[in-house]
PDB file of N, CA and C in Angstrom:
ATOM      1  N   MET A   1     -20.183  10.153  17.019  1.00  0.00           N
ATOM      2  CA  MET A   1     -19.501   9.131  16.251  1.00  0.00           C
ATOM      3  C   MET A   1     -18.418   8.521  17.140  1.00  0.00           C
ATOM      4  N   SER A   2     -18.308   7.229  17.140  1.00  0.00           N
ATOM      5  CA  SER A   2     -17.336   6.565  18.003  1.00  0.00           C
ATOM      6  C   SER A   2     -15.918   6.749  17.465  1.00  0.00           C
ATOM      7  N   ASP A   3     -14.961   6.597  18.365  1.00  0.00           N
ATOM      8  CA  ASP A   3     -13.558   6.744  17.974  1.00  0.00           C
ATOM      9  C   ASP A   3     -13.150   5.722  16.920  1.00  0.00           C
ATOM     10  N   GLY A   4     -13.693   4.516  16.997  1.00  0.00           N
ATOM     11  CA  GLY A   4     -13.359   3.479  16.022  1.00  0.00           C
ATOM     12  C   GLY A   4     -13.793   3.852  14.613  1.00  0.00           C
ATOM     13  N   ARG A   5     -14.962   4.441  14.503  1.00  0.00           N
ATOM     14  CA  ARG A   5     -15.457   4.857  13.183  1.00  0.00           C
ATOM     15  C   ARG A   5     -14.649   6.030  12.648  1.00  0.00           C
ATOM     16  N   ILE A   6     -14.273   6.949  13.515  1.00  0.00           N
ATOM     17  CA  ILE A   6     -13.441   8.084  13.096  1.00  0.00           C
ATOM     18  C   ILE A   6     -12.091   7.579  12.614  1.00  0.00           C
ATOM     19  N   HIS A   7     -11.523   6.651  13.361  1.00  0.00           N
ATOM     20  CA  HIS A   7     -10.225   6.064  13.002  1.00  0.00           C
ATOM     21  C   HIS A   7     -10.303   5.365  11.640  1.00  0.00           C
ATOM     22  N   ALA A   8     -11.365   4.595  11.427  1.00  0.00           N
ATOM     23  CA  ALA A   8     -11.538   3.874  10.163  1.00  0.00           C
ATOM     24  C   ALA A   8     -11.718   4.855   9.001  1.00  0.00           C
ATOM     25  N   ARG A   9     -12.474   5.910   9.221  1.00  0.00           N
ATOM     26  CA  ARG A   9     -12.674   6.906   8.168  1.00  0.00           C
ATOM     27  C   ARG A   9     -11.378   7.635   7.842  1.00  0.00           C
ATOM     28  N   LEU A  10     -10.569   7.902   8.865  1.00  0.00           N
ATOM     29  CA  LEU A  10      -9.289   8.563   8.645  1.00  0.00           C
ATOM     30  C   LEU A  10      -8.338   7.655   7.864  1.00  0.00           C
ATOM     31  N   CYS A  11      -8.335   6.360   8.176  1.00  0.00           N
ATOM     32  CA  CYS A  11      -7.523   5.396   7.407  1.00  0.00           C
ATOM     33  C   CYS A  11      -7.953   5.383   5.946  1.00  0.00           C
ATOM     34  N   ALA A  12      -9.261   5.359   5.710  1.00  0.00           N
ATOM     35  CA  ALA A  12      -9.772   5.349   4.335  1.00  0.00           C
ATOM     36  C   ALA A  12      -9.421   6.651   3.607  1.00  0.00           C
ATOM     37  N   LEU A  13      -9.486   7.769   4.303  1.00  0.00           N
ATOM     38  CA  LEU A  13      -9.143   9.051   3.705  1.00  0.00           C
ATOM     39  C   LEU A  13      -7.664   9.103   3.327  1.00  0.00           C
ATOM     40  N   ILE A  14      -6.800   8.636   4.221  1.00  0.00           N
ATOM     41  CA  ILE A  14      -5.362   8.614   3.930  1.00  0.00           C
ATOM     42  C   ILE A  14      -5.077   7.684   2.758  1.00  0.00           C
ATOM     43  N   LYS A  15      -5.729   6.528   2.736  1.00  0.00           N
ATOM     44  CA  LYS A  15      -5.536   5.582   1.628  1.00  0.00           C
ATOM     45  C   LYS A  15      -5.926   6.222   0.300  1.00  0.00           C
ATOM     46  N   ARG A  16      -7.068   6.888   0.264  1.00  0.00           N
ATOM     47  CA  ARG A  16      -7.525   7.527  -0.969  1.00  0.00           C
ATOM     48  C   ARG A  16      -6.566   8.629  -1.425  1.00  0.00           C
ATOM     49  N   GLU A  17      -6.121   9.445  -0.479  1.00  0.00           N
ATOM     50  CA  GLU A  17      -5.238  10.556  -0.834  1.00  0.00           C
ATOM     51  C   GLU A  17      -3.861  10.065  -1.285  1.00  0.00           C
ATOM     52  N   VAL A  18      -3.303   9.071  -0.599  1.00  0.00           N
ATOM     53  CA  VAL A  18      -2.009   8.528  -1.026  1.00  0.00           C
ATOM     54  C   VAL A  18      -2.146   7.877  -2.396  1.00  0.00           C
ATOM     55  N   SER A  19      -3.251   7.208  -2.642  1.00  0.00           N
ATOM     56  CA  SER A  19      -3.491   6.607  -3.965  1.00  0.00           C
ATOM     57  C   SER A  19      -3.507   7.668  -5.054  1.00  0.00           C
ATOM     58  N   GLN A  20      -4.164   8.783  -4.788  1.00  0.00           N
ATOM     59  CA  GLN A  20      -4.214   9.861  -5.774  1.00  0.00           C
ATOM     60  C   GLN A  20      -2.844  10.492  -5.985  1.00  0.00           C
ATOM     61  N   ILE A  21      -2.082  10.630  -4.911  1.00  0.00           N
ATOM     62  CA  ILE A  21      -0.731  11.170  -5.037  1.00  0.00           C
ATOM     63  C   ILE A  21       0.121  10.249  -5.903  1.00  0.00           C
ATOM     64  N   VAL A  22       0.030   8.946  -5.644  1.00  0.00           N
ATOM     65  CA  VAL A  22       0.802   7.966  -6.422  1.00  0.00           C
ATOM     66  C   VAL A  22       0.402   8.018  -7.888  1.00  0.00           C
ATOM     67  N   GLU A  23      -0.888   8.139  -8.139  1.00  0.00           N
ATOM     68  CA  GLU A  23      -1.363   8.098  -9.521  1.00  0.00           C
ATOM     69  C   GLU A  23      -1.102   9.393 -10.290  1.00  0.00           C
ATOM     70  N   PHE A  24      -1.277  10.542  -9.638  1.00  0.00           N
ATOM     71  CA  PHE A  24      -1.250  11.803 -10.378  1.00  0.00           C
ATOM     72  C   PHE A  24      -0.058  12.711 -10.095  1.00  0.00           C
ATOM     73  N   GLU A  25       0.590  12.578  -8.953  1.00  0.00           N
ATOM     74  CA  GLU A  25       1.619  13.529  -8.569  1.00  0.00           C
ATOM     75  C   GLU A  25       3.050  13.002  -8.691  1.00  0.00           C
ATOM     76  N   VAL A  26       3.223  11.691  -8.642  1.00  0.00           N
ATOM     77  CA  VAL A  26       4.556  11.103  -8.674  1.00  0.00           C
ATOM     78  C   VAL A  26       5.097  11.141 -10.102  1.00  0.00           C
ATOM     79  N   HIS A  27       6.338  11.619 -10.235  1.00  0.00           N
ATOM     80  CA  HIS A  27       6.950  11.710 -11.561  1.00  0.00           C
ATOM     81  C   HIS A  27       8.152  10.783 -11.718  1.00  0.00           C
ATOM     82  N   ASP A  28       8.491  10.036 -10.686  1.00  0.00           N
ATOM     83  CA  ASP A  28       9.622   9.118 -10.753  1.00  0.00           C
ATOM     84  C   ASP A  28       9.286   7.991 -11.723  1.00  0.00           C
ATOM     85  N   PRO A  29      10.103   7.793 -12.780  1.00  0.00           N
ATOM     86  CA  PRO A  29       9.779   6.762 -13.775  1.00  0.00           C
ATOM     87  C   PRO A  29       9.762   5.348 -13.200  1.00  0.00           C
ATOM     88  N   LEU A  30      10.554   5.101 -12.177  1.00  0.00           N
ATOM     89  CA  LEU A  30      10.572   3.770 -11.567  1.00  0.00           C
ATOM     90  C   LEU A  30       9.240   3.472 -10.880  1.00  0.00           C
ATOM     91  N   LEU A  31       8.689   4.459 -10.189  1.00  0.00           N
ATOM     92  CA  LEU A  31       7.389   4.259  -9.531  1.00  0.00           C
ATOM     93  C   LEU A  31       6.260   4.160 -10.550  1.00  0.00           C
ATOM     94  N   ARG A  32       6.322   4.949 -11.602  1.00  0.00           N
ATOM     95  CA  ARG A  32       5.266   4.901 -12.607  1.00  0.00           C
ATOM     96  C   ARG A  32       5.265   3.556 -13.337  1.00  0.00           C
ATOM     97  N   ALA A  33       6.445   3.011 -13.603  1.00  0.00           N
ATOM     98  CA  ALA A  33       6.541   1.743 -14.331  1.00  0.00           C
ATOM     99  C   ALA A  33       6.092   0.559 -13.475  1.00  0.00           C
ATOM    100  N   ALA A  34       6.207   0.687 -12.163  1.00  0.00           N
ATOM    101  CA  ALA A  34       5.879  -0.424 -11.266  1.00  0.00           C
ATOM    102  C   ALA A  34       4.378  -0.607 -11.069  1.00  0.00           C
ATOM    103  N   ILE A  35       3.583   0.382 -11.446  1.00  0.00           N
ATOM    104  CA  ILE A  35       2.129   0.354 -11.286  1.00  0.00           C
ATOM    105  C   ILE A  35       1.752  -0.005  -9.834  1.00  0.00           C
ATOM    106  N   PRO A  36       2.115   0.835  -8.869  1.00  0.00           N
ATOM    107  CA  PRO A  36       1.810   0.537  -7.468  1.00  0.00           C
ATOM    108  C   PRO A  36       0.336   0.757  -7.133  1.00  0.00           C
ATOM    109  N   THR A  37      -0.157  -0.036  -6.199  1.00  0.00           N
ATOM    110  CA  THR A  37      -1.524   0.086  -5.708  1.00  0.00           C
ATOM    111  C   THR A  37      -1.484   0.161  -4.190  1.00  0.00           C
ATOM    112  N   VAL A  38      -2.154   1.149  -3.635  1.00  0.00           N
ATOM    113  CA  VAL A  38      -2.252   1.265  -2.184  1.00  0.00           C
ATOM    114  C   VAL A  38      -3.341   0.297  -1.740  1.00  0.00           C
ATOM    115  N   MET A  39      -2.952  -0.709  -0.974  1.00  0.00           N
ATOM    116  CA  MET A  39      -3.890  -1.749  -0.563  1.00  0.00           C
ATOM    117  C   MET A  39      -4.585  -1.422   0.756  1.00  0.00           C
ATOM    118  N   ALA A  40      -3.839  -0.852   1.696  1.00  0.00           N
ATOM    119  CA  ALA A  40      -4.409  -0.569   3.016  1.00  0.00           C
ATOM    120  C   ALA A  40      -3.544   0.450   3.730  1.00  0.00           C
ATOM    121  N   VAL A  41      -4.141   1.060   4.733  1.00  0.00           N
ATOM    122  CA  VAL A  41      -3.420   1.973   5.624  1.00  0.00           C
ATOM    123  C   VAL A  41      -3.764   1.569   7.048  1.00  0.00           C
ATOM    124  N   GLN A  42      -2.735   1.421   7.848  1.00  0.00           N
ATOM    125  CA  GLN A  42      -2.893   1.106   9.264  1.00  0.00           C
ATOM    126  C   GLN A  42      -2.393   2.311  10.037  1.00  0.00           C
ATOM    127  N   LEU A  43      -3.252   2.912  10.838  1.00  0.00           N
ATOM    128  CA  LEU A  43      -2.944   4.138  11.547  1.00  0.00           C
ATOM    129  C   LEU A  43      -2.760   3.843  13.028  1.00  0.00           C
ATOM    130  N   SER A  44      -1.763   4.473  13.633  1.00  0.00           N
ATOM    131  CA  SER A  44      -1.560   4.294  15.070  1.00  0.00           C
ATOM    132  C   SER A  44      -2.728   4.926  15.822  1.00  0.00           C
ATOM    133  N   VAL A  45      -2.864   4.595  17.090  1.00  0.00           N
ATOM    134  CA  VAL A  45      -3.981   5.076  17.902  1.00  0.00           C
ATOM    135  C   VAL A  45      -3.986   6.605  17.974  1.00  0.00           C
ATOM    136  N   ASP A  46      -2.812   7.204  18.080  1.00  0.00           N
ATOM    137  CA  ASP A  46      -2.734   8.666  18.175  1.00  0.00           C
ATOM    138  C   ASP A  46      -2.674   9.346  16.802  1.00  0.00           C
ATOM    139  N   ALA A  47      -2.747   8.584  15.724  1.00  0.00           N
ATOM    140  CA  ALA A  47      -2.755   9.076  14.344  1.00  0.00           C
ATOM    141  C   ALA A  47      -1.472   9.820  13.977  1.00  0.00           C
ATOM    142  N   ARG A  48      -0.384   9.492  14.625  1.00  0.00           N
ATOM    143  CA  ARG A  48       0.893  10.133  14.301  1.00  0.00           C
ATOM    144  C   ARG A  48       1.718   9.303  13.319  1.00  0.00           C
ATOM    145  N   TYR A  49       1.419   8.027  13.197  1.00  0.00           N
ATOM    146  CA  TYR A  49       2.171   7.115  12.335  1.00  0.00           C
ATOM    147  C   TYR A  49       1.189   6.314  11.489  1.00  0.00           C
ATOM    148  N   ALA A  50       1.532   6.129  10.231  1.00  0.00           N
ATOM    149  CA  ALA A  50       0.687   5.350   9.328  1.00  0.00           C
ATOM    150  C   ALA A  50       1.556   4.378   8.546  1.00  0.00           C
ATOM    151  N   LYS A  51       1.125   3.127   8.514  1.00  0.00           N
ATOM    152  CA  LYS A  51       1.756   2.122   7.675  1.00  0.00           C
ATOM    153  C   LYS A  51       0.923   2.018   6.407  1.00  0.00           C
ATOM    154  N   VAL A  52       1.574   2.233   5.270  1.00  0.00           N
ATOM    155  CA  VAL A  52       0.895   2.203   3.981  1.00  0.00           C
ATOM    156  C   VAL A  52       1.365   0.947   3.256  1.00  0.00           C
ATOM    157  N   TYR A  53       0.426   0.048   2.980  1.00  0.00           N
ATOM    158  CA  TYR A  53       0.749  -1.215   2.329  1.00  0.00           C
ATOM    159  C   TYR A  53       0.582  -1.050   0.824  1.00  0.00           C
ATOM    160  N   ILE A  54       1.663  -1.328   0.089  1.00  0.00           N
ATOM    161  CA  ILE A  54       1.722  -1.134  -1.354  1.00  0.00           C
ATOM    162  C   ILE A  54       1.878  -2.487  -2.047  1.00  0.00           C
ATOM    163  N   ALA A  55       1.035  -2.733  -3.053  1.00  0.00           N
ATOM    164  CA  ALA A  55       1.164  -3.925  -3.896  1.00  0.00           C
ATOM    165  C   ALA A  55       1.730  -3.472  -5.247  1.00  0.00           C
ATOM    166  N   LEU A  56       2.647  -4.256  -5.756  1.00  0.00           N
ATOM    167  CA  LEU A  56       3.263  -3.957  -7.045  1.00  0.00           C
ATOM    168  C   LEU A  56       2.858  -5.027  -8.047  1.00  0.00           C
ATOM    169  N   ALA A  57       2.461  -4.596  -9.229  1.00  0.00           N
ATOM    170  CA  ALA A  57       1.870  -5.491 -10.219  1.00  0.00           C
ATOM    171  C   ALA A  57       2.861  -6.448 -10.851  1.00  0.00           C
ATOM    172  N   GLN A  58       4.100  -6.026 -10.982  1.00  0.00           N
ATOM    173  CA  GLN A  58       5.034  -6.863 -11.724  1.00  0.00           C
ATOM    174  C   GLN A  58       6.450  -6.653 -11.224  1.00  0.00           C
ATOM    175  N   GLY A  59       7.320  -7.549 -11.638  1.00  0.00           N
ATOM    176  CA  GLY A  59       8.728  -7.421 -11.304  1.00  0.00           C
ATOM    177  C   GLY A  59       9.214  -8.528 -10.393  1.00  0.00           C
ATOM    178  N   THR A  60      10.532  -8.689 -10.398  1.00  0.00           N
ATOM    179  CA  THR A  60      11.153  -9.663  -9.508  1.00  0.00           C
ATOM    180  C   THR A  60      11.193  -9.090  -8.103  1.00  0.00           C
ATOM    181  N   HIS A  61      11.584  -9.925  -7.163  1.00  0.00           N
ATOM    182  CA  HIS A  61      11.649  -9.467  -5.769  1.00  0.00           C
ATOM    183  C   HIS A  61      12.650  -8.315  -5.629  1.00  0.00           C
ATOM    184  N   ALA A  62      13.775  -8.407  -6.317  1.00  0.00           N
ATOM    185  CA  ALA A  62      14.787  -7.343  -6.252  1.00  0.00           C
ATOM    186  C   ALA A  62      14.249  -6.037  -6.830  1.00  0.00           C
ATOM    187  N   GLU A  63      13.520  -6.115  -7.933  1.00  0.00           N
ATOM    188  CA  GLU A  63      12.930  -4.915  -8.526  1.00  0.00           C
ATOM    189  C   GLU A  63      11.895  -4.289  -7.594  1.00  0.00           C
ATOM    190  N   LYS A  64      11.116  -5.140  -6.940  1.00  0.00           N
ATOM    191  CA  LYS A  64      10.116  -4.631  -5.996  1.00  0.00           C
ATOM    192  C   LYS A  64      10.781  -3.958  -4.803  1.00  0.00           C
ATOM    193  N   MET A  65      11.882  -4.529  -4.340  1.00  0.00           N
ATOM    194  CA  MET A  65      12.611  -3.911  -3.228  1.00  0.00           C
ATOM    195  C   MET A  65      13.183  -2.550  -3.637  1.00  0.00           C
ATOM    196  N   GLU A  66      13.601  -2.440  -4.878  1.00  0.00           N
ATOM    197  CA  GLU A  66      14.114  -1.177  -5.391  1.00  0.00           C
ATOM    198  C   GLU A  66      13.003  -0.119  -5.431  1.00  0.00           C
ATOM    199  N   VAL A  67      11.818  -0.519  -5.850  1.00  0.00           N
ATOM    200  CA  VAL A  67      10.682   0.401  -5.881  1.00  0.00           C
ATOM    201  C   VAL A  67      10.302   0.819  -4.462  1.00  0.00           C
ATOM    202  N   MET A  68      10.312  -0.131  -3.531  1.00  0.00           N
ATOM    203  CA  MET A  68       9.979   0.206  -2.148  1.00  0.00           C
ATOM    204  C   MET A  68      11.021   1.153  -1.547  1.00  0.00           C
ATOM    205  N   ALA A  69      12.272   1.018  -1.961  1.00  0.00           N
ATOM    206  CA  ALA A  69      13.315   1.945  -1.501  1.00  0.00           C
ATOM    207  C   ALA A  69      13.015   3.364  -1.988  1.00  0.00           C
ATOM    208  N   VAL A  70      12.479   3.486  -3.199  1.00  0.00           N
ATOM    209  CA  VAL A  70      12.101   4.807  -3.717  1.00  0.00           C
ATOM    210  C   VAL A  70      10.940   5.366  -2.903  1.00  0.00           C
ATOM    211  N   PHE A  71       9.967   4.536  -2.564  1.00  0.00           N
ATOM    212  CA  PHE A  71       8.863   4.984  -1.707  1.00  0.00           C
ATOM    213  C   PHE A  71       9.403   5.489  -0.371  1.00  0.00           C
ATOM    214  N   ARG A  72      10.310   4.744   0.214  1.00  0.00           N
ATOM    215  CA  ARG A  72      10.867   5.154   1.510  1.00  0.00           C
ATOM    216  C   ARG A  72      11.666   6.451   1.384  1.00  0.00           C
ATOM    217  N   ARG A  73      12.395   6.582   0.288  1.00  0.00           N
ATOM    218  CA  ARG A  73      13.180   7.794   0.058  1.00  0.00           C
ATOM    219  C   ARG A  73      12.280   9.017  -0.102  1.00  0.00           C
ATOM    220  N   ASP A  74      11.142   8.840  -0.766  1.00  0.00           N
ATOM    221  CA  ASP A  74      10.247   9.950  -1.070  1.00  0.00           C
ATOM    222  C   ASP A  74       9.119  10.131  -0.056  1.00  0.00           C
ATOM    223  N   ARG A  75       9.217   9.522   1.109  1.00  0.00           N
ATOM    224  CA  ARG A  75       8.110   9.621   2.066  1.00  0.00           C
ATOM    225  C   ARG A  75       7.879  11.058   2.547  1.00  0.00           C
ATOM    226  N   GLY A  76       8.920  11.889   2.532  1.00  0.00           N
ATOM    227  CA  GLY A  76       8.739  13.296   2.884  1.00  0.00           C
ATOM    228  C   GLY A  76       7.830  14.005   1.878  1.00  0.00           C
ATOM    229  N   PHE A  77       8.011  13.693   0.608  1.00  0.00           N
ATOM    230  CA  PHE A  77       7.148  14.246  -0.438  1.00  0.00           C
ATOM    231  C   PHE A  77       5.699  13.836  -0.207  1.00  0.00           C
ATOM    232  N   PHE A  78       5.485  12.542   0.083  1.00  0.00           N
ATOM    233  CA  PHE A  78       4.120  12.054   0.310  1.00  0.00           C
ATOM    234  C   PHE A  78       3.503  12.713   1.542  1.00  0.00           C
ATOM    235  N   ARG A  79       4.292  12.878   2.576  1.00  0.00           N
ATOM    236  CA  ARG A  79       3.782  13.497   3.807  1.00  0.00           C
ATOM    237  C   ARG A  79       3.426  14.965   3.564  1.00  0.00           C
ATOM    238  N   THR A  80       4.256  15.671   2.819  1.00  0.00           N
ATOM    239  CA  THR A  80       3.972  17.075   2.505  1.00  0.00           C
ATOM    240  C   THR A  80       2.693  17.190   1.685  1.00  0.00           C
ATOM    241  N   GLU A  81       2.541  16.323   0.695  1.00  0.00           N
ATOM    242  CA  GLU A  81       1.323  16.338  -0.120  1.00  0.00           C
ATOM    243  C   GLU A  81       0.094  16.026   0.728  1.00  0.00           C
ATOM    244  N   LEU A  82       0.220  15.077   1.652  1.00  0.00           N
ATOM    245  CA  LEU A  82      -0.892  14.758   2.549  1.00  0.00           C
ATOM    246  C   LEU A  82      -1.244  15.947   3.428  1.00  0.00           C
ATOM    247  N   ALA A  83      -0.234  16.660   3.896  1.00  0.00           N
ATOM    248  CA  ALA A  83      -0.467  17.810   4.769  1.00  0.00           C
ATOM    249  C   ALA A  83      -1.314  18.867   4.060  1.00  0.00           C
ATOM    250  N   HIS A  84      -1.121  19.007   2.756  1.00  0.00           N
ATOM    251  CA  HIS A  84      -1.903  19.983   1.993  1.00  0.00           C
ATOM    252  C   HIS A  84      -3.336  19.509   1.765  1.00  0.00           C
ATOM    253  N   ARG A  85      -3.561  18.209   1.840  1.00  0.00           N
ATOM    254  CA  ARG A  85      -4.867  17.647   1.486  1.00  0.00           C
ATOM    255  C   ARG A  85      -5.735  17.282   2.677  1.00  0.00           C
ATOM    256  N   LEU A  86      -5.128  17.035   3.831  1.00  0.00           N
ATOM    257  CA  LEU A  86      -5.883  16.557   4.988  1.00  0.00           C
ATOM    258  C   LEU A  86      -6.078  17.661   6.025  1.00  0.00           C
ATOM    259  N   PRO A  87      -7.264  17.741   6.585  1.00  0.00           N
ATOM    260  CA  PRO A  87      -7.526  18.749   7.616  1.00  0.00           C
ATOM    261  C   PRO A  87      -7.144  18.243   9.014  1.00  0.00           C
ATOM    262  N   LEU A  88      -5.874  17.924   9.194  1.00  0.00           N
ATOM    263  CA  LEU A  88      -5.403  17.378  10.466  1.00  0.00           C
ATOM    264  C   LEU A  88      -4.407  18.326  11.110  1.00  0.00           C
ATOM    265  N   ARG A  89      -4.365  18.284  12.426  1.00  0.00           N
ATOM    266  CA  ARG A  89      -3.366  19.080  13.127  1.00  0.00           C
ATOM    267  C   ARG A  89      -1.978  18.521  12.873  1.00  0.00           C
ATOM    268  N   TYR A  90      -1.856  17.197  12.920  1.00  0.00           N
ATOM    269  CA  TYR A  90      -0.580  16.526  12.675  1.00  0.00           C
ATOM    270  C   TYR A  90      -0.736  15.576  11.498  1.00  0.00           C
ATOM    271  N   THR A  91       0.163  15.687  10.564  1.00  0.00           N
ATOM    272  CA  THR A  91       0.177  14.748   9.446  1.00  0.00           C
ATOM    273  C   THR A  91       0.994  13.536   9.869  1.00  0.00           C
ATOM    274  N   PRO A  92       0.447  12.335   9.715  1.00  0.00           N
ATOM    275  CA  PRO A  92       1.178  11.151  10.184  1.00  0.00           C
ATOM    276  C   PRO A  92       2.467  10.906   9.399  1.00  0.00           C
ATOM    277  N   GLN A  93       3.451  10.362  10.093  1.00  0.00           N
ATOM    278  CA  GLN A  93       4.669   9.905   9.436  1.00  0.00           C
ATOM    279  C   GLN A  93       4.319   8.609   8.714  1.00  0.00           C
ATOM    280  N   LEU A  94       4.810   8.473   7.510  1.00  0.00           N
ATOM    281  CA  LEU A  94       4.438   7.339   6.671  1.00  0.00           C
ATOM    282  C   LEU A  94       5.549   6.300   6.624  1.00  0.00           C
ATOM    283  N   GLU A  95       5.137   5.053   6.703  1.00  0.00           N
ATOM    284  CA  GLU A  95       6.037   3.924   6.501  1.00  0.00           C
ATOM    285  C   GLU A  95       5.424   3.078   5.397  1.00  0.00           C
ATOM    286  N   PHE A  96       6.175   2.872   4.325  1.00  0.00           N
ATOM    287  CA  PHE A  96       5.675   2.102   3.194  1.00  0.00           C
ATOM    288  C   PHE A  96       6.142   0.653   3.315  1.00  0.00           C
ATOM    289  N   ILE A  97       5.191  -0.260   3.172  1.00  0.00           N
ATOM    290  CA  ILE A  97       5.457  -1.690   3.340  1.00  0.00           C
ATOM    291  C   ILE A  97       4.943  -2.424   2.105  1.00  0.00           C
ATOM    292  N   LEU A  98       5.762  -3.327   1.584  1.00  0.00           N
ATOM    293  CA  LEU A  98       5.362  -4.135   0.437  1.00  0.00           C
ATOM    294  C   LEU A  98       4.293  -5.135   0.869  1.00  0.00           C
ATOM    295  N   ASP A  99       3.165  -5.109   0.188  1.00  0.00           N
ATOM    296  CA  ASP A  99       2.059  -6.023   0.491  1.00  0.00           C
ATOM    297  C   ASP A  99       2.079  -7.150  -0.533  1.00  0.00           C
ATOM    298  N   GLU A 100       2.383  -8.334  -0.077  1.00  0.00           N
ATOM    299  CA  GLU A 100       2.456  -9.501  -0.968  1.00  0.00           C
ATOM    300  C   GLU A 100       1.282 -10.441  -0.762  1.00  0.00           C
ATOM    301  N   THR A 101       0.208  -9.943  -0.196  1.00  0.00           N
ATOM    302  CA  THR A 101      -0.960 -10.768   0.093  1.00  0.00           C
ATOM    303  C   THR A 101      -1.550 -11.377  -1.168  1.00  0.00           C
ATOM    304  N   VAL A 102      -1.683 -10.577  -2.216  1.00  0.00           N
ATOM    305  CA  VAL A 102      -2.285 -11.069  -3.458  1.00  0.00           C
ATOM    306  C   VAL A 102      -1.419 -12.165  -4.065  1.00  0.00           C
ATOM    307  N   GLU A 103      -0.103 -11.966  -4.068  1.00  0.00           N
ATOM    308  CA  GLU A 103       0.795 -12.979  -4.621  1.00  0.00           C
ATOM    309  C   GLU A 103       0.722 -14.275  -3.830  1.00  0.00           C
ATOM    310  N   HIS A 104       0.662 -14.168  -2.501  1.00  0.00           N
ATOM    311  CA  HIS A 104       0.554 -15.369  -1.668  1.00  0.00           C
ATOM    312  C   HIS A 104      -0.774 -16.080  -1.922  1.00  0.00           C
ATOM    313  N   ALA A 105      -1.838 -15.308  -2.094  1.00  0.00           N
ATOM    314  CA  ALA A 105      -3.144 -15.912  -2.371  1.00  0.00           C
ATOM    315  C   ALA A 105      -3.137 -16.649  -3.711  1.00  0.00           C
ATOM    316  N   LEU A 106      -2.498 -16.061  -4.714  1.00  0.00           N
ATOM    317  CA  LEU A 106      -2.411 -16.725  -6.024  1.00  0.00           C
ATOM    318  C   LEU A 106      -1.588 -18.008  -5.942  1.00  0.00           C
ATOM    319  N   GLN A 107      -0.503 -17.973  -5.186  1.00  0.00           N
ATOM    320  CA  GLN A 107       0.313 -19.181  -5.013  1.00  0.00           C
ATOM    321  C   GLN A 107      -0.476 -20.270  -4.305  1.00  0.00           C
ATOM    322  N   LEU A 108      -1.217 -19.881  -3.282  1.00  0.00           N
ATOM    323  CA  LEU A 108      -2.027 -20.838  -2.539  1.00  0.00           C
ATOM    324  C   LEU A 108      -3.116 -21.417  -3.430  1.00  0.00           C
ATOM    325  N   ASP A 109      -3.741 -20.569  -4.236  1.00  0.00           N
ATOM    326  CA  ASP A 109      -4.771 -21.023  -5.156  1.00  0.00           C
ATOM    327  C   ASP A 109      -4.205 -22.023  -6.155  1.00  0.00           C
ATOM    328  N   THR A 110      -3.013 -21.761  -6.659  1.00  0.00           N
ATOM    329  CA  THR A 110      -2.355 -22.677  -7.594  1.00  0.00           C
ATOM    330  C   THR A 110      -2.073 -24.022  -6.931  1.00  0.00           C
ATOM    331  N   LEU A 111      -1.568 -23.969  -5.694  1.00  0.00           N
ATOM    332  CA  LEU A 111      -1.295 -25.211  -4.970  1.00  0.00           C
ATOM    333  C   LEU A 111      -2.568 -26.003  -4.718  1.00  0.00           C
ATOM    334  N   LEU A 112      -3.630 -25.322  -4.320  1.00  0.00           N
ATOM    335  CA  LEU A 112      -4.893 -26.010  -4.059  1.00  0.00           C
ATOM    336  C   LEU A 112      -5.473 -26.600  -5.341  1.00  0.00           C
ATOM    337  N   ALA A 113      -5.369 -25.874  -6.438  1.00  0.00           N
ATOM    338  CA  ALA A 113      -5.882 -26.393  -7.715  1.00  0.00           C
ATOM    339  C   ALA A 113      -5.101 -27.627  -8.136  1.00  0.00           C
ATOM    340  N   ARG A 114      -3.778 -27.593  -7.939  1.00  0.00           N
ATOM    341  CA  ARG A 114      -2.950 -28.745  -8.301  1.00  0.00           C
ATOM    342  C   ARG A 114      -3.289 -29.946  -7.417  1.00  0.00           C
ATOM    343  N   ASP A 115      -3.462 -29.714  -6.114  1.00  0.00           N
ATOM    344  CA  ASP A 115      -3.833 -30.807  -5.218  1.00  0.00           C
ATOM    345  C   ASP A 115      -5.219 -31.340  -5.553  1.00  0.00           C
ATOM    346  N   ASN A 116      -6.123 -30.472  -5.941  1.00  0.00           N
ATOM    347  CA  ASN A 116      -7.468 -30.880  -6.308  1.00  0.00           C
ATOM    348  C   ASN A 116      -7.431 -31.754  -7.553  1.00  0.00           C
ATOM    349  N   ASP A 117      -6.580 -31.404  -8.518  1.00  0.00           N
ATOM    350  CA  ASP A 117      -6.438 -32.221  -9.725  1.00  0.00           C
ATOM    351  C   ASP A 117      -5.855 -33.593  -9.405  1.00  0.00           C
ATOM    352  N   ASP A 118      -4.954 -33.658  -8.423  1.00  0.00           N
ATOM    353  CA  ASP A 118      -4.354 -34.927  -8.025  1.00  0.00           C
ATOM    354  C   ASP A 118      -5.379 -35.830  -7.346  1.00  0.00           C
ATOM    355  N   LEU A 119      -6.369 -35.250  -6.724  1.00  0.00           N
ATOM    356  CA  LEU A 119      -7.365 -36.037  -5.992  1.00  0.00           C
ATOM    357  C   LEU A 119      -8.521 -36.522  -6.868  1.00  0.00           C
ATOM    358  N   ARG A 120      -8.664 -35.956  -8.032  1.00  0.00           N
ATOM    359  CA  ARG A 120      -9.764 -36.369  -8.910  1.00  0.00           C
ATOM    360  C   ARG A 120      -9.501 -37.766  -9.465  1.00  0.00           C
ATOM    361  N   PRO A 121     -10.544 -38.589  -9.483  1.00  0.00           N
ATOM    362  CA  PRO A 121     -10.375 -39.920 -10.094  1.00  0.00           C
ATOM    363  C   PRO A 121     -10.360 -39.799 -11.613  1.00  0.00           C
ATOM    364  N   ASP A 122      -9.574 -40.588 -12.239  1.00  0.00           N
ATOM    365  CA  ASP A 122      -9.449 -40.531 -13.707  1.00  0.00           C
ATOM    366  C   ASP A 122     -10.546 -41.291 -14.392  1.00  0.00           C
TER     367      ASP A 122
END
């Protein structure tokens, strides 16, 4: 198996496990209310560092930043839980990043729909 496929499978495994931890193991009411979704995991070449992209379903920008601060505060908990679940020599250090891709796509879609309506002949 090539290194690229192993790397991709490891990213998918980390994404699945972090998603399960968020859904079933987290007891912080702020995180539970935010309905977080793990969108992607980007792993360094040596698999020592992982960027975990989180999308939040609702809230203002300030509320989302507050939720991301809780993720950053609790990254030791997530890393410990991953260590128990993954058969790795080294558990990667986690960095949680707010993923606003879906929101940007919706804004772009709205703009395109509005421009499309402006171009239609009456």
